[in-house]
Structure formats: C-alpha cells, structure tokens
C-alpha cells in the first residue's frame, strides 16, 4: 500500500481503518475507524483535505480529490469520482458516477451508476438521483444500500484477517 506524505503532510489512518495494499493514500487524508479503501483506489489530498468518516468505504478504482468528505458508513462505488464534494451518512455514490465540486449527496441518498452530479448540486436526503446531469427521480425509504457501509466494515475485517494469516504462513480456512 502506498501511504505517502505530500508537501510535509502525512495521511492520518486510524488503527481500525483498512487500506488495501494496492490503494494510494496521499497527503492530507484522514481515515476514521472502520473506514475502508479498496484496490486501485486513489485518495489524493494534495490540494485540499479528504476525510472518510467512521465506516465509510471507497471501492475499487475510485478517485477522491481536493476536499472530498465521505460521511459515516457512506459508500463510494467502483470507479466513481468524488471531487471537492461531500456525501452524508449512509449515502451511496454508484459505480462510475461522478460528483463534482461543491456538491452534496444527502443522508441515505443514492446517486445511480454512471450519473453525473454537476457542480453545486445538492441531492436531498433519502432520494435517488440518476442521469447526466443527475436528477432526482424518486424518494427512497429504507434502502438496503444504506447499510453497505456495515457490510464493508465486515469485509475489511475478513481481508485483514486473511492477510495476517498469510503473513504468518497459514492459509485461511474454507
């Protein structure tokens, strides 16, 4: 894993956070407890801080840059981009979606796969937004996707355990 400083600023990674060995975490980045960063993901805090709140997860090939904040137990899906924007608690940014500068994805809101959230847009809490540009299509109540962060906390524990077993020369059971 590449956890590197930039211009004298080191990432802050909580001991219970998980960073996959193939991820890049650079500069002004804070990972809180149970946050997880998956393979080939880049968190580049060189021109603004990045924060992953408790239990937040950023999945394979995603990119976060310049002032991104991912809320507690929120999910950024595979190959998504969040640039100088925020997601609130238990929200979901779908696969290959893009969330641009000064935008906010509300609590338990979902941005659909391949959607484009343009600059300065607010996706209200408990809604689904899709399209290019993203538009709210409907309200969402009790989506199972709001709990993806909990699942990724468990996945991170499993990956960490497997890595530790292999490092000690013991293959995992099963």
C-alpha atoms as a PDB file:
ATOM      1  CA  UNK A   1       0.000   0.000   0.000  1.00  0.00           C
ATOM      2  CA  UNK A   2       1.196   3.458  -0.718  1.00  0.00           C
ATOM      3  CA  UNK A   3       0.543   5.856   2.134  1.00  0.00           C
ATOM      4  CA  UNK A   4       2.631   8.908   1.361  1.00  0.00           C
ATOM      5  CA  UNK A   5       3.118  12.435   2.537  1.00  0.00           C
ATOM      6  CA  UNK A   6       2.714  15.428   0.283  1.00  0.00           C
ATOM      7  CA  UNK A   7       4.353  18.778   0.992  1.00  0.00           C
ATOM      8  CA  UNK A   8       5.064  17.657   4.563  1.00  0.00           C
ATOM      9  CA  UNK A   9       1.535  16.442   5.327  1.00  0.00           C
ATOM     10  CA  UNK A  10       1.096  12.795   6.269  1.00  0.00           C
ATOM     11  CA  UNK A  11      -2.183  10.887   5.993  1.00  0.00           C
ATOM     12  CA  UNK A  12      -3.852  10.067   9.306  1.00  0.00           C
ATOM     13  CA  UNK A  13      -5.088   6.471   9.303  1.00  0.00           C
ATOM     14  CA  UNK A  14      -6.972   5.133  12.326  1.00  0.00           C
ATOM     15  CA  UNK A  15      -5.655   1.764  13.521  1.00  0.00           C
ATOM     16  CA  UNK A  16      -9.046   0.180  12.743  1.00  0.00           C
ATOM     17  CA  UNK A  17      -9.220   1.547   9.188  1.00  0.00           C
ATOM     18  CA  UNK A  18      -8.407  -0.760   6.286  1.00  0.00           C
ATOM     19  CA  UNK A  19      -6.304   0.266   3.287  1.00  0.00           C
ATOM     20  CA  UNK A  20      -5.790  -2.377   0.618  1.00  0.00           C
ATOM     21  CA  UNK A  21      -2.125  -2.826  -0.398  1.00  0.00           C
ATOM     22  CA  UNK A  22      -2.912  -1.668  -3.958  1.00  0.00           C
ATOM     23  CA  UNK A  23      -4.519   1.632  -2.870  1.00  0.00           C
ATOM     24  CA  UNK A  24      -2.873   5.095  -2.924  1.00  0.00           C
ATOM     25  CA  UNK A  25      -3.439   7.442   0.034  1.00  0.00           C
ATOM     26  CA  UNK A  26      -1.530  10.691  -0.393  1.00  0.00           C
ATOM     27  CA  UNK A  27      -1.163  13.852   1.684  1.00  0.00           C
ATOM     28  CA  UNK A  28      -3.961  15.486   3.671  1.00  0.00           C
ATOM     29  CA  UNK A  29      -6.173  12.420   4.112  1.00  0.00           C
ATOM     30  CA  UNK A  30      -7.926  11.267   7.283  1.00  0.00           C
ATOM     31  CA  UNK A  31      -9.381   7.789   7.637  1.00  0.00           C
ATOM     32  CA  UNK A  32     -11.512   7.303  10.729  1.00  0.00           C
ATOM     33  CA  UNK A  33     -12.231   3.993  12.486  1.00  0.00           C
ATOM     34  CA  UNK A  34     -13.584   1.210  10.268  1.00  0.00           C
ATOM     35  CA  UNK A  35     -13.185   3.259   7.078  1.00  0.00           C
ATOM     36  CA  UNK A  36     -12.002   1.154   4.148  1.00  0.00           C
ATOM     37  CA  UNK A  37     -10.136   1.882   0.921  1.00  0.00           C
ATOM     38  CA  UNK A  38     -10.107  -0.854  -1.718  1.00  0.00           C
ATOM     39  CA  UNK A  39      -7.772  -1.923  -4.581  1.00  0.00           C
ATOM     40  CA  UNK A  40      -6.507   0.643  -7.080  1.00  0.00           C
ATOM     41  CA  UNK A  41      -8.316   3.482  -5.330  1.00  0.00           C
ATOM     42  CA  UNK A  42      -6.635   6.881  -5.125  1.00  0.00           C
ATOM     43  CA  UNK A  43      -7.241   9.378  -2.321  1.00  0.00           C
ATOM     44  CA  UNK A  44      -5.111  12.360  -3.298  1.00  0.00           C
ATOM     45  CA  UNK A  45      -5.150  15.079  -0.653  1.00  0.00           C
ATOM     46  CA  UNK A  46      -2.658  17.415  -2.273  1.00  0.00           C
ATOM     47  CA  UNK A  47      -4.862  20.482  -2.840  1.00  0.00           C
ATOM     48  CA  UNK A  48      -7.492  20.035  -0.158  1.00  0.00           C
ATOM     49  CA  UNK A  49      -8.145  17.554   2.616  1.00  0.00           C
ATOM     50  CA  UNK A  50     -10.010  14.289   2.223  1.00  0.00           C
ATOM     51  CA  UNK A  51     -11.901  12.712   5.109  1.00  0.00           C
ATOM     52  CA  UNK A  52     -13.501   9.277   5.305  1.00  0.00           C
ATOM     53  CA  UNK A  53     -15.732   9.247   8.355  1.00  0.00           C
ATOM     54  CA  UNK A  54     -16.278   6.174  10.506  1.00  0.00           C
ATOM     55  CA  UNK A  55     -17.250   3.116   8.464  1.00  0.00           C
ATOM     56  CA  UNK A  56     -17.093   4.907   5.099  1.00  0.00           C
ATOM     57  CA  UNK A  57     -15.879   2.811   2.185  1.00  0.00           C
ATOM     58  CA  UNK A  58     -14.328   3.738  -1.148  1.00  0.00           C
ATOM     59  CA  UNK A  59     -14.376   0.839  -3.558  1.00  0.00           C
ATOM     60  CA  UNK A  60     -12.043  -0.411  -6.283  1.00  0.00           C
ATOM     61  CA  UNK A  61     -10.687   2.117  -8.808  1.00  0.00           C
ATOM     62  CA  UNK A  62     -12.452   5.125  -7.280  1.00  0.00           C
ATOM     63  CA  UNK A  63     -10.783   8.566  -7.103  1.00  0.00           C
ATOM     64  CA  UNK A  64     -11.233  11.223  -4.415  1.00  0.00           C
ATOM     65  CA  UNK A  65      -9.511  14.586  -4.776  1.00  0.00           C
ATOM     66  CA  UNK A  66      -9.497  18.126  -3.373  1.00  0.00           C
ATOM     67  CA  UNK A  67     -11.638  18.470  -0.315  1.00  0.00           C
ATOM     68  CA  UNK A  68     -13.788  15.344  -0.527  1.00  0.00           C
ATOM     69  CA  UNK A  69     -15.608  14.238   2.614  1.00  0.00           C
ATOM     70  CA  UNK A  70     -17.349  10.879   2.785  1.00  0.00           C
ATOM     71  CA  UNK A  71     -19.895  10.603   5.600  1.00  0.00           C
ATOM     72  CA  UNK A  72     -20.249   7.874   8.189  1.00  0.00           C
ATOM     73  CA  UNK A  73     -20.957   4.465   6.644  1.00  0.00           C
ATOM     74  CA  UNK A  74     -21.326   6.032   3.192  1.00  0.00           C
ATOM     75  CA  UNK A  75     -20.266   4.138   0.072  1.00  0.00           C
ATOM     76  CA  UNK A  76     -18.377   5.345  -2.994  1.00  0.00           C
ATOM     77  CA  UNK A  77     -18.812   2.625  -5.621  1.00  0.00           C
ATOM     78  CA  UNK A  78     -16.359   1.077  -8.043  1.00  0.00           C
ATOM     79  CA  UNK A  79     -14.681   3.552 -10.424  1.00  0.00           C
ATOM     80  CA  UNK A  80     -16.612   6.547  -9.057  1.00  0.00           C
ATOM     81  CA  UNK A  81     -15.109  10.030  -8.707  1.00  0.00           C
ATOM     82  CA  UNK A  82     -15.795  12.493  -5.888  1.00  0.00           C
ATOM     83  CA  UNK A  83     -14.047  15.832  -6.484  1.00  0.00           C
ATOM     84  CA  UNK A  84     -14.229  18.569  -3.839  1.00  0.00           C
ATOM     85  CA  UNK A  85     -17.675  17.362  -2.753  1.00  0.00           C
ATOM     86  CA  UNK A  86     -19.351  15.715   0.231  1.00  0.00           C
ATOM     87  CA  UNK A  87     -21.526  12.735   0.917  1.00  0.00           C
ATOM     88  CA  UNK A  88     -23.517  12.439   4.100  1.00  0.00           C
ATOM     89  CA  UNK A  89     -24.189   9.441   6.346  1.00  0.00           C
ATOM     90  CA  UNK A  90     -25.104   6.152   4.669  1.00  0.00           C
ATOM     91  CA  UNK A  91     -25.311   7.666   1.211  1.00  0.00           C
ATOM     92  CA  UNK A  92     -24.277   5.807  -1.936  1.00  0.00           C
ATOM     93  CA  UNK A  93     -22.374   7.072  -4.972  1.00  0.00           C
ATOM     94  CA  UNK A  94     -22.941   4.366  -7.578  1.00  0.00           C
ATOM     95  CA  UNK A  95     -20.406   2.699  -9.828  1.00  0.00           C
ATOM     96  CA  UNK A  96     -18.750   5.080 -12.330  1.00  0.00           C
ATOM     97  CA  UNK A  97     -20.763   8.033 -11.015  1.00  0.00           C
ATOM     98  CA  UNK A  98     -19.108  11.462 -10.797  1.00  0.00           C
ATOM     99  CA  UNK A  99     -19.819  14.000  -8.044  1.00  0.00           C
ATOM    100  CA  UNK A 100     -18.273  17.395  -8.806  1.00  0.00           C
ATOM    101  CA  UNK A 101     -17.159  20.453  -6.835  1.00  0.00           C
ATOM    102  CA  UNK A 102     -19.295  21.932  -4.073  1.00  0.00           C
ATOM    103  CA  UNK A 103     -21.965  19.226  -4.394  1.00  0.00           C
ATOM    104  CA  UNK A 104     -23.564  17.297  -1.550  1.00  0.00           C
ATOM    105  CA  UNK A 105     -25.186  13.879  -1.557  1.00  0.00           C
ATOM    106  CA  UNK A 106     -27.631  13.838   1.367  1.00  0.00           C
ATOM    107  CA  UNK A 107     -28.112  11.298   4.120  1.00  0.00           C
ATOM    108  CA  UNK A 108     -29.161   7.897   2.748  1.00  0.00           C
ATOM    109  CA  UNK A 109     -29.419   9.381  -0.758  1.00  0.00           C
ATOM    110  CA  UNK A 110     -28.321   7.333  -3.758  1.00  0.00           C
ATOM    111  CA  UNK A 111     -26.577   8.522  -6.912  1.00  0.00           C
ATOM    112  CA  UNK A 112     -27.133   5.905  -9.614  1.00  0.00           C
ATOM    113  CA  UNK A 113     -24.416   4.207 -11.622  1.00  0.00           C
ATOM    114  CA  UNK A 114     -22.813   6.439 -14.279  1.00  0.00           C
ATOM    115  CA  UNK A 115     -24.689   9.532 -13.051  1.00  0.00           C
ATOM    116  CA  UNK A 116     -23.096  12.992 -13.225  1.00  0.00           C
ATOM    117  CA  UNK A 117     -23.739  15.288 -10.259  1.00  0.00           C
ATOM    118  CA  UNK A 118     -22.769  18.698 -11.620  1.00  0.00           C
ATOM    119  CA  UNK A 119     -21.050  21.452  -9.642  1.00  0.00           C
ATOM    120  CA  UNK A 120     -23.002  22.921  -6.742  1.00  0.00           C
ATOM    121  CA  UNK A 121     -25.806  20.353  -6.826  1.00  0.00           C
ATOM    122  CA  UNK A 122     -27.483  19.047  -3.690  1.00  0.00           C
ATOM    123  CA  UNK A 123     -29.045  15.599  -3.828  1.00  0.00           C
ATOM    124  CA  UNK A 124     -31.599  15.648  -0.984  1.00  0.00           C
ATOM    125  CA  UNK A 125     -31.649  13.010   1.746  1.00  0.00           C
ATOM    126  CA  UNK A 126     -33.492   9.776   1.020  1.00  0.00           C
ATOM    127  CA  UNK A 127     -33.705  10.273  -2.742  1.00  0.00           C
ATOM    128  CA  UNK A 128     -32.437   8.516  -5.856  1.00  0.00           C
ATOM    129  CA  UNK A 129     -30.719  10.680  -8.495  1.00  0.00           C
ATOM    130  CA  UNK A 130     -29.802   9.334 -11.942  1.00  0.00           C
ATOM    131  CA  UNK A 131     -28.754  10.632 -15.355  1.00  0.00           C
ATOM    132  CA  UNK A 132     -26.322  13.115 -16.875  1.00  0.00           C
ATOM    133  CA  UNK A 133     -26.817  15.570 -15.339  1.00  0.00           C
ATOM    134  CA  UNK A 134     -28.229  13.738 -12.320  1.00  0.00           C
ATOM    135  CA  UNK A 135     -31.834  14.474 -11.457  1.00  0.00           C
ATOM    136  CA  UNK A 136     -33.861  13.259  -8.514  1.00  0.00           C
ATOM    137  CA  UNK A 137     -36.249  10.551  -9.732  1.00  0.00           C
ATOM    138  CA  UNK A 138     -37.933   9.462  -6.531  1.00  0.00           C
ATOM    139  CA  UNK A 139     -37.787   9.248  -2.778  1.00  0.00           C
ATOM    140  CA  UNK A 140     -36.164   6.215  -1.197  1.00  0.00           C
ATOM    141  CA  UNK A 141     -37.160   4.740   2.139  1.00  0.00           C
ATOM    142  CA  UNK A 142     -35.237   2.074   3.997  1.00  0.00           C
ATOM    143  CA  UNK A 143     -32.912   1.133   1.162  1.00  0.00           C
ATOM    144  CA  UNK A 144     -30.661  -1.843   1.883  1.00  0.00           C
ATOM    145  CA  UNK A 145     -27.871   0.169   0.210  1.00  0.00           C
ATOM    146  CA  UNK A 146     -27.867   2.458   3.250  1.00  0.00           C
ATOM    147  CA  UNK A 147     -26.228  -0.446   5.093  1.00  0.00           C
ATOM    148  CA  UNK A 148     -23.466  -1.197   2.578  1.00  0.00           C
ATOM    149  CA  UNK A 149     -21.008   0.537   4.919  1.00  0.00           C
ATOM    150  CA  UNK A 150     -21.733  -2.062   7.599  1.00  0.00           C
ATOM    151  CA  UNK A 151     -21.051  -4.876   5.119  1.00  0.00           C
ATOM    152  CA  UNK A 152     -17.791  -3.276   4.007  1.00  0.00           C
ATOM    153  CA  UNK A 153     -16.652  -2.985   7.624  1.00  0.00           C
ATOM    154  CA  UNK A 154     -17.073  -6.772   7.883  1.00  0.00           C
ATOM    155  CA  UNK A 155     -15.337  -7.325   4.515  1.00  0.00           C
ATOM    156  CA  UNK A 156     -12.378  -5.240   5.678  1.00  0.00           C
ATOM    157  CA  UNK A 157     -12.093  -7.370   8.820  1.00  0.00           C
ATOM    158  CA  UNK A 158     -12.117 -10.534   6.676  1.00  0.00           C
ATOM    159  CA  UNK A 159      -9.434  -9.166   4.339  1.00  0.00           C
ATOM    160  CA  UNK A 160      -7.279  -8.028   7.248  1.00  0.00           C
ATOM    161  CA  UNK A 161      -7.581 -11.453   8.910  1.00  0.00           C
ATOM    162  CA  UNK A 162      -6.708 -13.280   5.676  1.00  0.00           C
ATOM    163  CA  UNK A 163      -3.658 -11.063   5.147  1.00  0.00           C
ATOM    164  CA  UNK A 164      -2.461 -11.673   8.703  1.00  0.00           C
ATOM    165  CA  UNK A 165      -2.835 -15.451   8.334  1.00  0.00           C
ATOM    166  CA  UNK A 166      -0.901 -15.446   5.076  1.00  0.00           C
ATOM    167  CA  UNK A 167       1.831 -13.302   6.589  1.00  0.00           C
ATOM    168  CA  UNK A 168       2.260 -15.926   9.335  1.00  0.00           C
ATOM    169  CA  UNK A 169       2.380 -18.708   6.716  1.00  0.00           C
ATOM    170  CA  UNK A 170      -1.081 -20.079   7.463  1.00  0.00           C
ATOM    171  CA  UNK A 171      -3.627 -20.324   4.655  1.00  0.00           C
ATOM    172  CA  UNK A 172      -7.167 -19.199   5.592  1.00  0.00           C
ATOM    173  CA  UNK A 173      -9.747 -21.875   6.313  1.00  0.00           C
ATOM    174  CA  UNK A 174     -12.507 -22.605   3.846  1.00  0.00           C
END
